[in-house]
Amino acid sequence: MNGNTFGRIFRLTTFGESHGPGLGGIVDGCPAGLEISEADLQQALDERRPGQDGRGGAASTARSEKDQVRILSGVFAGKSTGAPIAFYVENENQRSADYEALAAILRPGHADLGFFMKHAFRDYRGGGRSSGRETLCRVAGGGIAEKILEKAGARIFACVAEFGGIAANLEDIENAAARPWFCPDKVTDGLWVEAAKKTRAAGDSLGGKVRVEIHGLPAGLGEPVFDKLDARLAYAFMGVGAVKGVEIGSGCAAADMKGSEHNDPILPAEAGLACGTLPTGISYRFASNNAGGVLGGISNGAPICVTASLKPLASISRKQRSMDMYGEMRDLQIGGRHDISVIPRVVPVLKAMAALCAVDFLLLQKTALL
């Protein structure tokens, strides 16, 4: 199996399965001297766990995992050494028996068919490598990346923008992490809770949208041809299992706009509103941000804005029919412990992928300058 590593200079490789002994990762390319601890990684992992501080308990799995992370290498006396940073999280609450009745069935909407066609063999216990539990490795790796971004003066904010067709007001994304459901306003999360309860009672699932913004990322990151910053961000987000669409800035709405509406006028900077400083020494800002912080594949100094659309989860408790590996049609009813949506638990995952991508470009840029 290939494709277990993300990044070029700052690289994260993940390993482990949902129902194996544990999961973990190795980060290569982290500069020496970065202050990092298990507590930093644990903070990010705790945001991903189900039912934390009101974070979507109505939508979350009943599987209880501490997700206690251990750093095994690459950190000494509280700082990175420049060596690979290895971390590990033990699985403590597996119930593989929940999946035995489904071992031969190709579950609709899942990765079962793809795995079987690729390897002629698959781990049916929770999906193996395709399980959403693998994303904890990305969140831990992203925790290291965020520390690097902080040193560079950049910050990442993320929120749930929409759940079950109910959109939030994106007025306060910077404080969404302090609210239930990573909600960017003060009222919509209550509507989401009710939608989640009704959907769970019906044995179904819901999709939604997540918004991620990177503030303070310097201009000049990205390449103008195949390694565009926005293309890499889309690649990073699409690597998360439930993501079916990615928009940068105004995204799909740009198709209905005129050029005069979509263009972001470049203006002289006002006090505290500079997006960057030109090589000529002149500071600038933008009148709008339809480009989402990226022009010609290169960051322009404005906030990077990415919106991901996520499908409803495939594991539903409603009765379904699907073919098994031997051509027989079978009834199936997926039991076990499942979320009814990846929202809101996917928010820290997408935030982590944005951090991993941004740091990779930040370090790449250092190789492009004398």
Protein backbone atom coordinates (compact mmCIF):
# COMPACT_ATOMS: atom_id res chain seq x y z
CA MET A 1 0.00 0.00 0.00
CA ASN A 2 1.42 3.34 -1.08
CA GLY A 3 0.24 6.87 -0.27
CA ASN A 4 0.81 6.91 3.48
CA THR A 5 3.00 10.04 3.44
CA PHE A 6 1.95 13.67 3.01
CA GLY A 7 4.35 16.53 2.25
CA ARG A 8 7.70 17.07 0.58
CA ILE A 9 9.99 18.82 3.07
CA PHE A 10 7.73 18.62 6.13
CA ARG A 11 6.48 15.04 5.79
CA LEU A 12 3.96 13.08 7.84
CA THR A 13 3.77 9.30 7.48
CA THR A 14 0.93 7.54 9.33
CA PHE A 15 0.42 3.89 10.27
CA GLY A 16 -2.09 1.69 12.06
CA GLU A 17 -5.69 0.54 11.77
CA SER A 18 -8.94 1.29 13.55
CA HIS A 19 -9.01 -2.10 15.32
CA GLY A 20 -5.30 -2.83 15.55
CA PRO A 21 -3.12 -2.28 18.65
CA GLY A 22 -2.79 1.43 17.90
CA LEU A 23 -2.01 4.18 15.40
CA GLY A 24 0.82 6.62 15.02
CA GLY A 25 2.98 8.69 12.76
CA ILE A 26 6.45 9.94 11.95
CA VAL A 27 7.16 13.58 11.12
CA ASP A 28 10.27 14.20 9.03
CA GLY A 29 11.65 17.65 8.31
CA CYS A 30 10.73 19.43 11.53
CA PRO A 31 13.40 22.07 12.23
CA ALA A 32 15.43 21.68 15.43
CA GLY A 33 14.70 23.89 18.41
CA LEU A 34 10.91 23.95 18.17
CA GLU A 35 9.29 23.87 21.59
CA ILE A 36 6.93 20.89 21.46
CA SER A 37 5.41 18.55 24.02
CA GLU A 38 2.92 15.73 24.29
CA ALA A 39 0.52 18.27 25.80
CA ASP A 40 0.59 20.28 22.55
CA LEU A 41 -0.39 17.22 20.52
CA GLN A 42 -2.91 16.11 23.14
CA GLN A 43 -4.75 19.42 22.99
CA ALA A 44 -5.38 18.92 19.28
CA LEU A 45 -6.38 15.27 19.75
CA ASP A 46 -8.84 16.14 22.52
CA GLU A 47 -10.68 18.46 20.13
CA ARG A 48 -11.13 15.53 17.74
CA ARG A 49 -12.47 13.07 20.34
CA PRO A 50 -16.26 12.53 20.44
CA GLY A 51 -18.38 14.34 22.99
CA GLN A 52 -15.68 16.74 24.19
CA ASP A 53 -17.06 19.94 25.78
CA GLY A 54 -20.37 19.59 24.00
CA ARG A 55 -18.74 19.04 20.63
CA GLY A 56 -21.51 17.24 18.85
CA GLY A 57 -22.34 14.49 21.30
CA ALA A 58 -25.65 14.06 19.48
CA ALA A 59 -23.73 13.19 16.31
CA SER A 60 -20.84 11.22 17.78
CA THR A 61 -19.88 7.59 18.15
CA ALA A 62 -20.19 5.88 21.54
CA ARG A 63 -16.70 4.41 21.13
CA SER A 64 -14.68 5.74 24.07
CA GLU A 65 -10.97 6.26 23.48
CA LYS A 66 -8.60 8.38 25.54
CA ASP A 67 -6.39 8.98 22.49
CA GLN A 68 -3.46 9.49 24.84
CA VAL A 69 -0.44 10.36 22.69
CA ARG A 70 3.17 9.42 23.41
CA ILE A 71 6.15 11.04 21.68
CA LEU A 72 8.72 8.32 21.08
CA SER A 73 11.57 10.21 19.42
CA GLY A 74 12.78 13.51 18.03
CA VAL A 75 12.14 15.63 21.14
CA PHE A 76 14.60 16.26 23.97
CA ALA A 77 14.29 18.66 26.90
CA GLY A 78 11.06 20.02 25.42
CA LYS A 79 12.48 20.88 22.00
CA SER A 80 12.68 19.16 18.63
CA THR A 81 16.13 17.79 17.82
CA GLY A 82 15.78 17.80 14.04
CA ALA A 83 15.44 14.01 14.05
CA PRO A 84 12.20 12.29 13.00
CA ILE A 85 9.43 12.84 15.55
CA ALA A 86 7.56 9.60 16.15
CA PHE A 87 4.30 9.47 18.11
CA TYR A 88 1.91 6.68 19.05
CA VAL A 89 -1.69 6.36 20.30
CA GLU A 90 -2.91 3.05 21.70
CA ASN A 91 -6.36 1.68 20.80
CA GLU A 92 -8.13 0.77 24.02
CA ASN A 93 -11.81 0.25 23.16
CA GLN A 94 -11.99 -1.94 20.04
CA ARG A 95 -15.04 -4.15 19.49
CA SER A 96 -14.10 -6.04 16.34
CA ALA A 97 -16.98 -8.50 16.87
CA ASP A 98 -19.34 -5.73 15.72
CA TYR A 99 -18.07 -6.29 12.19
CA GLU A 100 -17.95 -10.09 11.92
CA ALA A 101 -21.46 -10.36 10.45
CA LEU A 102 -20.40 -7.92 7.72
CA ALA A 103 -17.10 -9.58 6.83
CA ALA A 104 -18.25 -10.80 3.39
CA ILE A 105 -20.61 -7.95 2.52
CA LEU A 106 -19.51 -5.03 0.36
CA ARG A 107 -21.07 -2.20 2.30
CA PRO A 108 -22.59 0.56 0.14
CA GLY A 109 -20.83 3.89 0.37
CA HIS A 110 -17.74 2.40 2.02
CA ALA A 111 -14.21 1.64 0.80
CA ASP A 112 -14.84 -2.13 0.94
CA LEU A 113 -15.15 -2.65 -2.82
CA GLY A 114 -12.12 -0.50 -3.64
CA PHE A 115 -9.90 -2.29 -1.10
CA PHE A 116 -11.04 -5.71 -2.30
CA MET A 117 -10.43 -4.85 -5.95
CA LYS A 118 -6.98 -3.43 -5.17
CA HIS A 119 -5.62 -6.09 -2.80
CA ALA A 120 -8.02 -9.08 -3.12
CA PHE A 121 -8.02 -8.92 0.68
CA ARG A 122 -9.28 -6.41 3.22
CA ASP A 123 -9.49 -5.66 6.91
CA TYR A 124 -13.24 -5.57 7.54
CA ARG A 125 -12.89 -4.40 11.17
CA GLY A 126 -14.01 -0.81 10.95
CA GLY A 127 -12.48 -0.31 7.54
CA GLY A 128 -8.84 -0.78 8.55
CA ARG A 129 -6.73 2.01 7.06
CA SER A 130 -9.78 3.68 5.52
CA SER A 131 -11.35 4.21 8.95
CA GLY A 132 -11.89 7.75 10.14
CA ARG A 133 -9.85 6.81 13.21
CA GLU A 134 -6.69 7.11 11.08
CA THR A 135 -7.22 10.87 11.08
CA LEU A 136 -6.01 11.14 14.66
CA CYS A 137 -2.50 10.72 13.22
CA ARG A 138 -3.04 13.74 10.99
CA VAL A 139 -4.30 15.78 13.92
CA ALA A 140 -1.22 14.93 16.00
CA GLY A 141 1.11 15.74 13.09
CA GLY A 142 -0.82 18.93 12.45
CA GLY A 143 -0.25 19.92 16.08
CA ILE A 144 3.48 20.04 15.35
CA ALA A 145 2.89 22.00 12.15
CA GLU A 146 0.76 24.56 13.98
CA LYS A 147 3.61 25.26 16.39
CA ILE A 148 5.82 26.14 13.41
CA LEU A 149 3.13 28.38 11.94
CA GLU A 150 2.78 30.21 15.25
CA LYS A 151 6.51 30.99 15.21
CA ALA A 152 6.02 32.40 11.70
CA GLY A 153 3.17 34.62 12.91
CA ALA A 154 0.36 32.66 11.25
CA ARG A 155 -2.77 31.19 12.84
CA ILE A 156 -5.40 28.74 11.63
CA PHE A 157 -9.11 29.04 12.43
CA ALA A 158 -11.78 26.50 11.54
CA CYS A 159 -15.51 26.12 12.02
CA VAL A 160 -18.57 24.18 10.90
CA ALA A 161 -20.13 26.33 8.18
CA GLU A 162 -23.14 24.11 7.49
CA PHE A 163 -24.70 20.92 8.88
CA GLY A 164 -27.62 19.03 7.40
CA GLY A 165 -28.41 21.94 5.08
CA ILE A 166 -28.50 24.46 7.96
CA ALA A 167 -25.89 27.17 7.34
CA ALA A 168 -24.20 29.24 10.05
CA ASN A 169 -23.24 32.89 9.96
CA LEU A 170 -19.44 33.03 9.53
CA GLU A 171 -19.23 36.23 11.56
CA ASP A 172 -16.91 34.91 14.28
CA ILE A 173 -14.76 32.05 13.01
CA GLU A 174 -11.89 33.17 15.25
CA ASN A 175 -13.83 32.13 18.37
CA ALA A 176 -15.55 29.04 16.94
CA ALA A 177 -13.16 26.67 18.74
CA ALA A 178 -14.57 27.86 22.08
CA ARG A 179 -18.17 26.99 21.14
CA PRO A 180 -20.04 23.67 20.85
CA TRP A 181 -19.88 22.21 17.33
CA PHE A 182 -17.14 24.72 16.39
CA CYS A 183 -20.01 27.07 15.60
CA PRO A 184 -19.02 30.52 14.23
CA ASP A 185 -22.12 32.20 15.64
CA LYS A 186 -24.01 32.00 18.94
CA VAL A 187 -27.30 30.41 17.85
CA THR A 188 -26.98 27.88 15.02
CA ASP A 189 -25.46 25.03 17.05
CA GLY A 190 -28.83 24.49 18.76
CA LEU A 191 -30.49 23.89 15.39
CA TRP A 192 -27.72 21.44 14.51
CA VAL A 193 -28.23 19.47 17.71
CA GLU A 194 -31.92 19.02 16.96
CA ALA A 195 -31.17 17.94 13.37
CA ALA A 196 -28.64 15.40 14.66
CA LYS A 197 -31.07 13.92 17.18
CA LYS A 198 -33.81 13.50 14.56
CA THR A 199 -31.39 11.93 12.10
CA ARG A 200 -30.02 9.48 14.65
CA ALA A 201 -33.56 8.45 15.61
CA ALA A 202 -34.26 7.78 11.92
CA GLY A 203 -31.14 5.63 11.60
CA ASP A 204 -29.64 7.94 9.00
CA SER A 205 -26.70 10.34 8.60
CA LEU A 206 -25.97 13.92 7.53
CA GLY A 207 -23.28 15.85 5.66
CA GLY A 208 -22.16 19.44 5.88
CA LYS A 209 -19.44 21.99 5.24
CA VAL A 210 -16.32 23.09 7.12
CA ARG A 211 -14.52 26.41 6.68
CA VAL A 212 -10.78 26.74 7.35
CA GLU A 213 -8.87 30.02 7.28
CA ILE A 214 -5.13 30.67 7.62
CA HIS A 215 -4.39 34.19 8.82
CA GLY A 216 -0.95 35.77 8.67
CA LEU A 217 0.58 33.40 6.12
CA PRO A 218 3.16 35.43 4.18
CA ALA A 219 2.72 36.21 0.50
CA GLY A 220 4.84 34.35 -2.03
CA LEU A 221 4.15 30.72 -1.05
CA GLY A 222 3.29 28.28 -3.81
CA GLU A 223 4.36 27.65 -7.39
CA PRO A 224 2.62 28.96 -10.52
CA VAL A 225 2.26 25.67 -12.43
CA PHE A 226 1.74 22.23 -10.89
CA ASP A 227 2.41 23.08 -7.23
CA LYS A 228 -0.11 25.87 -6.78
CA LEU A 229 -0.87 26.52 -3.12
CA ASP A 230 -4.62 26.20 -3.69
CA ALA A 231 -4.14 22.97 -5.66
CA ARG A 232 -2.13 21.47 -2.80
CA LEU A 233 -4.71 22.55 -0.26
CA ALA A 234 -7.43 20.91 -2.34
CA TYR A 235 -5.29 17.75 -2.54
CA ALA A 236 -4.78 17.83 1.24
CA PHE A 237 -8.48 18.23 1.96
CA MET A 238 -9.62 15.66 -0.60
CA GLY A 239 -7.36 13.15 1.15
CA VAL A 240 -9.82 13.18 4.07
CA GLY A 241 -12.28 10.36 3.48
CA ALA A 242 -15.63 12.15 3.62
CA VAL A 243 -14.62 15.23 1.60
CA LYS A 244 -16.32 15.39 -1.80
CA GLY A 245 -15.65 19.00 -2.78
CA VAL A 246 -13.23 21.85 -2.01
CA GLU A 247 -13.70 25.55 -2.69
CA ILE A 248 -11.08 28.30 -2.43
CA GLY A 249 -12.37 31.80 -1.66
CA SER A 250 -15.67 32.40 -3.43
CA GLY A 251 -15.38 28.89 -4.88
CA CYS A 252 -18.25 27.64 -7.05
CA ALA A 253 -20.07 30.96 -6.65
CA ALA A 254 -17.39 32.49 -8.91
CA ALA A 255 -19.04 30.75 -11.86
CA ASP A 256 -22.04 33.09 -11.50
CA MET A 257 -20.01 36.28 -11.07
CA LYS A 258 -18.64 38.80 -13.55
CA GLY A 259 -14.95 39.60 -13.61
CA SER A 260 -15.68 43.05 -12.27
CA GLU A 261 -17.39 41.42 -9.29
CA HIS A 262 -14.85 38.70 -8.63
CA ASN A 263 -11.63 40.73 -8.95
CA ASP A 264 -10.15 41.85 -5.63
CA PRO A 265 -8.88 45.44 -6.05
CA ILE A 266 -5.37 46.01 -4.66
CA LEU A 267 -5.15 49.15 -2.51
CA PRO A 268 -2.53 50.99 -0.46
CA ALA A 269 -2.49 49.62 3.07
CA GLU A 270 -4.23 51.37 5.92
CA ALA A 271 -3.04 51.19 9.51
CA GLY A 272 -3.25 47.61 10.71
CA LEU A 273 -4.76 46.33 7.45
CA ALA A 274 -1.66 45.46 5.43
CA CYS A 275 -1.68 42.09 3.65
CA GLY A 276 1.95 42.41 2.63
CA THR A 277 4.79 44.68 1.56
CA LEU A 278 6.00 44.78 -2.04
CA PRO A 279 9.72 44.47 -2.87
CA THR A 280 9.51 48.22 -3.56
CA GLY A 281 8.67 48.81 0.10
CA ILE A 282 5.01 49.70 -0.48
CA SER A 283 2.44 47.96 1.74
CA TYR A 284 -0.86 46.82 0.26
CA ARG A 285 -4.26 45.36 1.11
CA PHE A 286 -7.28 44.02 -0.78
CA ALA A 287 -10.77 45.47 -1.01
CA SER A 288 -12.24 41.93 -0.97
CA ASN A 289 -11.04 38.34 -0.86
CA ASN A 290 -12.86 36.36 -3.53
CA ALA A 291 -9.51 34.79 -4.46
CA GLY A 292 -9.31 33.23 -1.00
CA GLY A 293 -5.76 34.44 -0.42
CA VAL A 294 -4.27 32.83 -3.53
CA LEU A 295 -3.44 34.47 -6.88
CA GLY A 296 -1.80 32.48 -9.66
CA GLY A 297 -1.26 29.60 -7.26
CA ILE A 298 0.76 31.83 -4.89
CA SER A 299 -0.33 33.24 -1.52
CA ASN A 300 -1.05 36.98 -1.69
CA GLY A 301 -0.98 37.79 2.03
CA ALA A 302 -4.76 37.87 2.52
CA PRO A 303 -6.35 35.16 4.67
CA ILE A 304 -6.35 31.74 2.97
CA CYS A 305 -10.01 30.63 2.87
CA VAL A 306 -10.99 27.03 2.12
CA THR A 307 -14.42 25.41 2.37
CA ALA A 308 -14.82 21.62 2.27
CA SER A 309 -18.09 19.82 1.50
CA LEU A 310 -18.49 16.50 3.31
CA LYS A 311 -20.80 13.65 2.43
CA PRO A 312 -23.17 11.96 4.90
CA LEU A 313 -21.49 9.01 6.58
CA ALA A 314 -22.04 5.63 4.94
CA SER A 315 -22.45 3.66 8.19
CA ILE A 316 -26.16 4.01 8.93
CA SER A 317 -28.34 1.82 11.11
CA ARG A 318 -31.18 1.64 8.58
CA LYS A 319 -31.66 -1.72 6.89
CA GLN A 320 -29.99 -1.89 3.45
CA ARG A 321 -29.30 -4.47 0.77
CA SER A 322 -25.97 -5.03 -0.94
CA MET A 323 -24.03 -7.76 -2.71
CA ASP A 324 -21.46 -9.89 -0.92
CA MET A 325 -18.10 -11.07 -2.27
CA TYR A 326 -19.74 -14.15 -3.78
CA GLY A 327 -22.47 -12.41 -5.77
CA GLU A 328 -25.32 -12.97 -3.33
CA MET A 329 -27.65 -10.13 -2.35
CA ARG A 330 -27.71 -9.72 1.42
CA ASP A 331 -29.63 -7.70 3.95
CA LEU A 332 -27.41 -5.66 6.22
CA GLN A 333 -27.97 -3.46 9.19
CA ILE A 334 -24.82 -1.83 10.47
CA GLY A 335 -24.62 -2.02 14.24
CA GLY A 336 -21.71 -0.98 16.40
CA ARG A 337 -20.85 2.56 17.43
CA HIS A 338 -20.87 5.20 14.72
CA ASP A 339 -21.09 8.95 14.26
CA ILE A 340 -24.10 10.14 12.28
CA SER A 341 -21.83 12.74 10.69
CA VAL A 342 -18.14 13.52 10.43
CA ILE A 343 -19.15 16.98 11.64
CA PRO A 344 -18.02 18.39 14.00
CA ARG A 345 -15.17 15.94 14.69
CA VAL A 346 -13.62 16.50 11.24
CA VAL A 347 -12.93 20.19 11.97
CA PRO A 348 -9.57 19.54 13.75
CA VAL A 349 -8.66 17.10 10.95
CA LEU A 350 -9.08 19.66 8.18
CA LYS A 351 -7.36 22.27 10.31
CA ALA A 352 -4.43 19.87 10.67
CA MET A 353 -4.26 19.20 6.92
CA ALA A 354 -4.18 22.96 6.27
CA ALA A 355 -1.35 23.33 8.78
CA LEU A 356 0.66 20.47 7.26
CA CYS A 357 0.26 21.95 3.79
CA ALA A 358 1.10 25.52 4.85
CA VAL A 359 4.25 24.51 6.76
CA ASP A 360 5.46 22.42 3.85
CA PHE A 361 5.22 25.48 1.57
CA LEU A 362 6.76 27.72 4.23
CA LEU A 363 9.83 25.50 4.47
CA LEU A 364 9.98 25.06 0.68
CA GLN A 365 10.10 28.83 0.27
CA LYS A 366 13.22 28.95 2.46
CA THR A 367 14.98 26.80 -0.15
CA ALA A 368 14.03 29.27 -2.90
CA LEU A 369 15.74 32.29 -1.36
CA LEU A 370 19.42 33.11 -0.79
